Protein backbone atom coordinates (compact mmCIF):
# COMPACT_ATOMS: atom_id res chain seq x y z
CA UNK A 1 0.00 0.00 0.00
CA UNK A 2 0.94 3.64 0.16
CA UNK A 3 0.97 3.93 3.96
CA UNK A 4 -2.02 6.28 4.07
CA UNK A 5 -4.77 3.97 5.35
CA UNK A 6 -5.80 4.55 8.97
CA UNK A 7 -5.65 1.66 11.42
CA UNK A 8 -6.48 1.22 15.09
CA UNK A 9 -3.58 0.53 17.43
CA UNK A 10 -3.90 -0.52 21.07
CA UNK A 11 -1.70 -2.21 23.63
CA UNK A 12 -2.65 -5.50 25.26
CA UNK A 13 -2.67 -3.75 28.65
CA UNK A 14 -5.23 -1.23 27.39
CA UNK A 15 -7.37 -4.04 25.96
CA UNK A 16 -7.29 -5.66 29.41
CA UNK A 17 -8.25 -2.44 31.16
CA UNK A 18 -11.21 -1.74 28.88
CA UNK A 19 -12.30 -5.40 28.99
CA UNK A 20 -12.48 -5.43 32.79
CA UNK A 21 -14.38 -2.13 32.83
CA UNK A 22 -16.84 -3.31 30.17
CA UNK A 23 -17.41 -6.67 31.86
CA UNK A 24 -18.64 -4.87 34.97
CA UNK A 25 -20.67 -2.17 33.24
CA UNK A 26 -24.44 -2.57 32.72
CA UNK A 27 -24.24 -0.14 29.74
CA UNK A 28 -22.38 -2.82 27.76
CA UNK A 29 -24.86 -5.64 28.35
CA UNK A 30 -25.57 -7.37 25.02
CA UNK A 31 -23.31 -4.91 23.16
CA UNK A 32 -20.02 -5.22 21.36
CA UNK A 33 -17.45 -2.85 22.85
CA UNK A 34 -15.05 -1.40 20.27
CA UNK A 35 -11.65 -0.21 21.48
CA UNK A 36 -10.73 2.34 18.85
CA UNK A 37 -8.97 5.18 20.61
CA UNK A 38 -9.01 8.38 18.51
CA UNK A 39 -5.40 9.31 19.27
CA UNK A 40 -4.32 5.80 18.21
CA UNK A 41 -6.04 5.86 14.81
CA UNK A 42 -2.95 6.26 12.63
CA UNK A 43 -1.58 5.51 9.20
CA UNK A 44 1.68 3.61 8.71
CA UNK A 45 3.19 6.88 7.47
CA UNK A 46 2.12 8.66 10.68
CA UNK A 47 3.67 5.89 12.78
CA UNK A 48 6.91 6.17 10.80
CA UNK A 49 6.92 9.95 11.31
CA UNK A 50 6.56 9.42 15.07
CA UNK A 51 9.53 7.01 15.07
CA UNK A 52 11.60 9.40 12.97
CA UNK A 53 10.87 12.25 15.38
CA UNK A 54 11.74 10.04 18.35
CA UNK A 55 15.09 8.88 16.94
CA UNK A 56 15.96 12.11 15.14
CA UNK A 57 16.57 10.65 11.69
CA UNK A 58 14.70 9.74 8.52
CA UNK A 59 14.07 6.04 7.93
CA UNK A 60 14.13 4.36 4.55
CA UNK A 61 10.64 3.24 3.57
CA UNK A 62 9.66 0.46 1.22
CA UNK A 63 6.04 0.27 0.11
CA UNK A 64 4.78 -3.21 -0.76
CA UNK A 65 2.00 -3.47 -3.36
CA UNK A 66 -1.22 -5.21 -2.31
CA UNK A 67 -0.70 -7.93 -4.90
CA UNK A 68 2.62 -8.85 -3.27
CA UNK A 69 1.06 -8.95 0.21
CA UNK A 70 -1.71 -11.26 -1.07
CA UNK A 71 0.89 -13.50 -2.72
CA UNK A 72 2.92 -13.61 0.52
CA UNK A 73 -0.20 -14.57 2.49
CA UNK A 74 -0.85 -17.52 0.15
CA UNK A 75 2.77 -18.68 0.20
CA UNK A 76 3.48 -18.28 3.93
CA UNK A 77 2.71 -20.70 6.71
CA UNK A 78 1.07 -20.01 10.03
CA UNK A 79 1.52 -17.71 11.96
CA UNK A 80 3.19 -15.46 9.36
CA UNK A 81 0.25 -15.72 6.93
CA UNK A 82 -2.17 -14.83 9.72
CA UNK A 83 -0.19 -11.72 10.68
CA UNK A 84 0.06 -10.68 7.04
CA UNK A 85 -3.71 -11.16 6.64
CA UNK A 86 -4.34 -8.90 9.64
CA UNK A 87 -1.97 -6.30 8.21
CA UNK A 88 -3.70 -6.53 4.83
CA UNK A 89 -7.12 -6.11 6.41
CA UNK A 90 -6.17 -3.12 8.55
CA UNK A 91 -3.44 -1.30 6.65
CA UNK A 92 -4.41 -1.90 3.02
CA UNK A 93 -8.18 -2.42 3.08
CA UNK A 94 -8.96 -0.05 5.96
CA UNK A 95 -11.15 -2.56 7.79
CA UNK A 96 -10.51 -0.85 11.13
CA UNK A 97 -12.41 2.23 9.94
CA UNK A 98 -16.14 1.59 10.14
CA UNK A 99 -19.32 2.98 11.64
CA UNK A 100 -20.90 1.33 14.65
CA UNK A 101 -24.57 0.99 15.58
CA UNK A 102 -25.11 2.59 19.02
CA UNK A 103 -28.08 0.26 19.58
CA UNK A 104 -25.80 -2.77 19.66
CA UNK A 105 -22.26 -1.35 19.91
CA UNK A 106 -20.30 0.95 22.20
CA UNK A 107 -17.00 2.82 21.92
CA UNK A 108 -14.73 2.20 24.93
CA UNK A 109 -13.22 5.71 24.88
CA UNK A 110 -16.71 7.23 25.06
CA UNK A 111 -17.81 4.97 27.93
CA UNK A 112 -14.62 5.57 29.93
CA UNK A 113 -13.29 9.03 29.05
CA UNK A 114 -11.16 9.23 32.22
CA UNK A 115 -9.08 6.14 31.40
CA UNK A 116 -5.49 7.03 30.56
CA UNK A 117 -4.57 4.78 27.65
CA UNK A 118 -1.20 4.17 26.02
C-alpha atoms as a PDB file:
ATOM      1  CA  UNK A   1       0.000   0.000   0.000  1.00  0.00           C
ATOM      2  CA  UNK A   2       0.945   3.637   0.155  1.00  0.00           C
ATOM      3  CA  UNK A   3       0.970   3.926   3.957  1.00  0.00           C
ATOM      4  CA  UNK A   4      -2.018   6.281   4.073  1.00  0.00           C
ATOM      5  CA  UNK A   5      -4.773   3.971   5.354  1.00  0.00           C
ATOM      6  CA  UNK A   6      -5.799   4.548   8.974  1.00  0.00           C
ATOM      7  CA  UNK A   7      -5.650   1.658  11.421  1.00  0.00           C
ATOM      8  CA  UNK A   8      -6.483   1.221  15.090  1.00  0.00           C
ATOM      9  CA  UNK A   9      -3.575   0.532  17.432  1.00  0.00           C
ATOM     10  CA  UNK A  10      -3.899  -0.516  21.065  1.00  0.00           C
ATOM     11  CA  UNK A  11      -1.705  -2.210  23.631  1.00  0.00           C
ATOM     12  CA  UNK A  12      -2.646  -5.500  25.264  1.00  0.00           C
ATOM     13  CA  UNK A  13      -2.666  -3.749  28.646  1.00  0.00           C
ATOM     14  CA  UNK A  14      -5.232  -1.229  27.394  1.00  0.00           C
ATOM     15  CA  UNK A  15      -7.367  -4.043  25.956  1.00  0.00           C
ATOM     16  CA  UNK A  16      -7.292  -5.660  29.408  1.00  0.00           C
ATOM     17  CA  UNK A  17      -8.250  -2.437  31.159  1.00  0.00           C
ATOM     18  CA  UNK A  18     -11.213  -1.742  28.880  1.00  0.00           C
ATOM     19  CA  UNK A  19     -12.303  -5.401  28.993  1.00  0.00           C
ATOM     20  CA  UNK A  20     -12.483  -5.433  32.789  1.00  0.00           C
ATOM     21  CA  UNK A  21     -14.377  -2.129  32.826  1.00  0.00           C
ATOM     22  CA  UNK A  22     -16.836  -3.308  30.170  1.00  0.00           C
ATOM     23  CA  UNK A  23     -17.405  -6.674  31.864  1.00  0.00           C
ATOM     24  CA  UNK A  24     -18.637  -4.870  34.975  1.00  0.00           C
ATOM     25  CA  UNK A  25     -20.672  -2.171  33.236  1.00  0.00           C
ATOM     26  CA  UNK A  26     -24.442  -2.569  32.718  1.00  0.00           C
ATOM     27  CA  UNK A  27     -24.240  -0.141  29.740  1.00  0.00           C
ATOM     28  CA  UNK A  28     -22.378  -2.818  27.764  1.00  0.00           C
ATOM     29  CA  UNK A  29     -24.860  -5.638  28.349  1.00  0.00           C
ATOM     30  CA  UNK A  30     -25.568  -7.368  25.017  1.00  0.00           C
ATOM     31  CA  UNK A  31     -23.307  -4.908  23.164  1.00  0.00           C
ATOM     32  CA  UNK A  32     -20.016  -5.218  21.358  1.00  0.00           C
ATOM     33  CA  UNK A  33     -17.448  -2.847  22.854  1.00  0.00           C
ATOM     34  CA  UNK A  34     -15.052  -1.397  20.274  1.00  0.00           C
ATOM     35  CA  UNK A  35     -11.655  -0.212  21.484  1.00  0.00           C
ATOM     36  CA  UNK A  36     -10.731   2.344  18.846  1.00  0.00           C
ATOM     37  CA  UNK A  37      -8.969   5.179  20.609  1.00  0.00           C
ATOM     38  CA  UNK A  38      -9.007   8.380  18.507  1.00  0.00           C
ATOM     39  CA  UNK A  39      -5.396   9.306  19.274  1.00  0.00           C
ATOM     40  CA  UNK A  40      -4.315   5.802  18.208  1.00  0.00           C
ATOM     41  CA  UNK A  41      -6.038   5.865  14.809  1.00  0.00           C
ATOM     42  CA  UNK A  42      -2.949   6.260  12.634  1.00  0.00           C
ATOM     43  CA  UNK A  43      -1.584   5.515   9.196  1.00  0.00           C
ATOM     44  CA  UNK A  44       1.675   3.607   8.712  1.00  0.00           C
ATOM     45  CA  UNK A  45       3.194   6.880   7.466  1.00  0.00           C
ATOM     46  CA  UNK A  46       2.117   8.661  10.677  1.00  0.00           C
ATOM     47  CA  UNK A  47       3.671   5.892  12.780  1.00  0.00           C
ATOM     48  CA  UNK A  48       6.914   6.169  10.797  1.00  0.00           C
ATOM     49  CA  UNK A  49       6.920   9.948  11.312  1.00  0.00           C
ATOM     50  CA  UNK A  50       6.562   9.415  15.073  1.00  0.00           C
ATOM     51  CA  UNK A  51       9.528   7.006  15.070  1.00  0.00           C
ATOM     52  CA  UNK A  52      11.596   9.401  12.971  1.00  0.00           C
ATOM     53  CA  UNK A  53      10.874  12.246  15.376  1.00  0.00           C
ATOM     54  CA  UNK A  54      11.737  10.043  18.346  1.00  0.00           C
ATOM     55  CA  UNK A  55      15.086   8.879  16.936  1.00  0.00           C
ATOM     56  CA  UNK A  56      15.957  12.111  15.139  1.00  0.00           C
ATOM     57  CA  UNK A  57      16.565  10.654  11.686  1.00  0.00           C
ATOM     58  CA  UNK A  58      14.705   9.740   8.516  1.00  0.00           C
ATOM     59  CA  UNK A  59      14.073   6.043   7.934  1.00  0.00           C
ATOM     60  CA  UNK A  60      14.129   4.360   4.548  1.00  0.00           C
ATOM     61  CA  UNK A  61      10.640   3.241   3.574  1.00  0.00           C
ATOM     62  CA  UNK A  62       9.657   0.456   1.217  1.00  0.00           C
ATOM     63  CA  UNK A  63       6.045   0.272   0.106  1.00  0.00           C
ATOM     64  CA  UNK A  64       4.783  -3.215  -0.762  1.00  0.00           C
ATOM     65  CA  UNK A  65       2.000  -3.472  -3.361  1.00  0.00           C
ATOM     66  CA  UNK A  66      -1.218  -5.205  -2.305  1.00  0.00           C
ATOM     67  CA  UNK A  67      -0.698  -7.929  -4.898  1.00  0.00           C
ATOM     68  CA  UNK A  68       2.617  -8.855  -3.269  1.00  0.00           C
ATOM     69  CA  UNK A  69       1.056  -8.951   0.207  1.00  0.00           C
ATOM     70  CA  UNK A  70      -1.708 -11.260  -1.071  1.00  0.00           C
ATOM     71  CA  UNK A  71       0.892 -13.497  -2.717  1.00  0.00           C
ATOM     72  CA  UNK A  72       2.919 -13.613   0.516  1.00  0.00           C
ATOM     73  CA  UNK A  73      -0.202 -14.570   2.488  1.00  0.00           C
ATOM     74  CA  UNK A  74      -0.846 -17.521   0.149  1.00  0.00           C
ATOM     75  CA  UNK A  75       2.771 -18.679   0.199  1.00  0.00           C
ATOM     76  CA  UNK A  76       3.477 -18.281   3.928  1.00  0.00           C
ATOM     77  CA  UNK A  77       2.714 -20.701   6.708  1.00  0.00           C
ATOM     78  CA  UNK A  78       1.073 -20.010  10.031  1.00  0.00           C
ATOM     79  CA  UNK A  79       1.524 -17.713  11.958  1.00  0.00           C
ATOM     80  CA  UNK A  80       3.190 -15.456   9.363  1.00  0.00           C
ATOM     81  CA  UNK A  81       0.253 -15.724   6.932  1.00  0.00           C
ATOM     82  CA  UNK A  82      -2.167 -14.831   9.723  1.00  0.00           C
ATOM     83  CA  UNK A  83      -0.192 -11.722  10.683  1.00  0.00           C
ATOM     84  CA  UNK A  84       0.062 -10.681   7.036  1.00  0.00           C
ATOM     85  CA  UNK A  85      -3.706 -11.155   6.636  1.00  0.00           C
ATOM     86  CA  UNK A  86      -4.338  -8.897   9.644  1.00  0.00           C
ATOM     87  CA  UNK A  87      -1.970  -6.303   8.215  1.00  0.00           C
ATOM     88  CA  UNK A  88      -3.702  -6.531   4.826  1.00  0.00           C
ATOM     89  CA  UNK A  89      -7.124  -6.112   6.415  1.00  0.00           C
ATOM     90  CA  UNK A  90      -6.174  -3.119   8.553  1.00  0.00           C
ATOM     91  CA  UNK A  91      -3.439  -1.304   6.645  1.00  0.00           C
ATOM     92  CA  UNK A  92      -4.415  -1.901   3.023  1.00  0.00           C
ATOM     93  CA  UNK A  93      -8.183  -2.423   3.078  1.00  0.00           C
ATOM     94  CA  UNK A  94      -8.959  -0.046   5.964  1.00  0.00           C
ATOM     95  CA  UNK A  95     -11.153  -2.563   7.787  1.00  0.00           C
ATOM     96  CA  UNK A  96     -10.509  -0.851  11.135  1.00  0.00           C
ATOM     97  CA  UNK A  97     -12.411   2.227   9.937  1.00  0.00           C
ATOM     98  CA  UNK A  98     -16.139   1.594  10.138  1.00  0.00           C
ATOM     99  CA  UNK A  99     -19.324   2.982  11.640  1.00  0.00           C
ATOM    100  CA  UNK A 100     -20.904   1.332  14.647  1.00  0.00           C
ATOM    101  CA  UNK A 101     -24.566   0.992  15.577  1.00  0.00           C
ATOM    102  CA  UNK A 102     -25.111   2.590  19.024  1.00  0.00           C
ATOM    103  CA  UNK A 103     -28.080   0.261  19.581  1.00  0.00           C
ATOM    104  CA  UNK A 104     -25.797  -2.771  19.660  1.00  0.00           C
ATOM    105  CA  UNK A 105     -22.261  -1.351  19.911  1.00  0.00           C
ATOM    106  CA  UNK A 106     -20.303   0.955  22.196  1.00  0.00           C
ATOM    107  CA  UNK A 107     -16.995   2.825  21.924  1.00  0.00           C
ATOM    108  CA  UNK A 108     -14.733   2.203  24.926  1.00  0.00           C
ATOM    109  CA  UNK A 109     -13.217   5.708  24.882  1.00  0.00           C
ATOM    110  CA  UNK A 110     -16.712   7.229  25.064  1.00  0.00           C
ATOM    111  CA  UNK A 111     -17.810   4.972  27.925  1.00  0.00           C
ATOM    112  CA  UNK A 112     -14.625   5.567  29.930  1.00  0.00           C
ATOM    113  CA  UNK A 113     -13.290   9.025  29.051  1.00  0.00           C
ATOM    114  CA  UNK A 114     -11.158   9.230  32.222  1.00  0.00           C
ATOM    115  CA  UNK A 115      -9.084   6.139  31.404  1.00  0.00           C
ATOM    116  CA  UNK A 116      -5.489   7.032  30.563  1.00  0.00           C
ATOM    117  CA  UNK A 117      -4.571   4.776  27.653  1.00  0.00           C
ATOM    118  CA  UNK A 118      -1.198   4.172  26.015  1.00  0.00           C
END
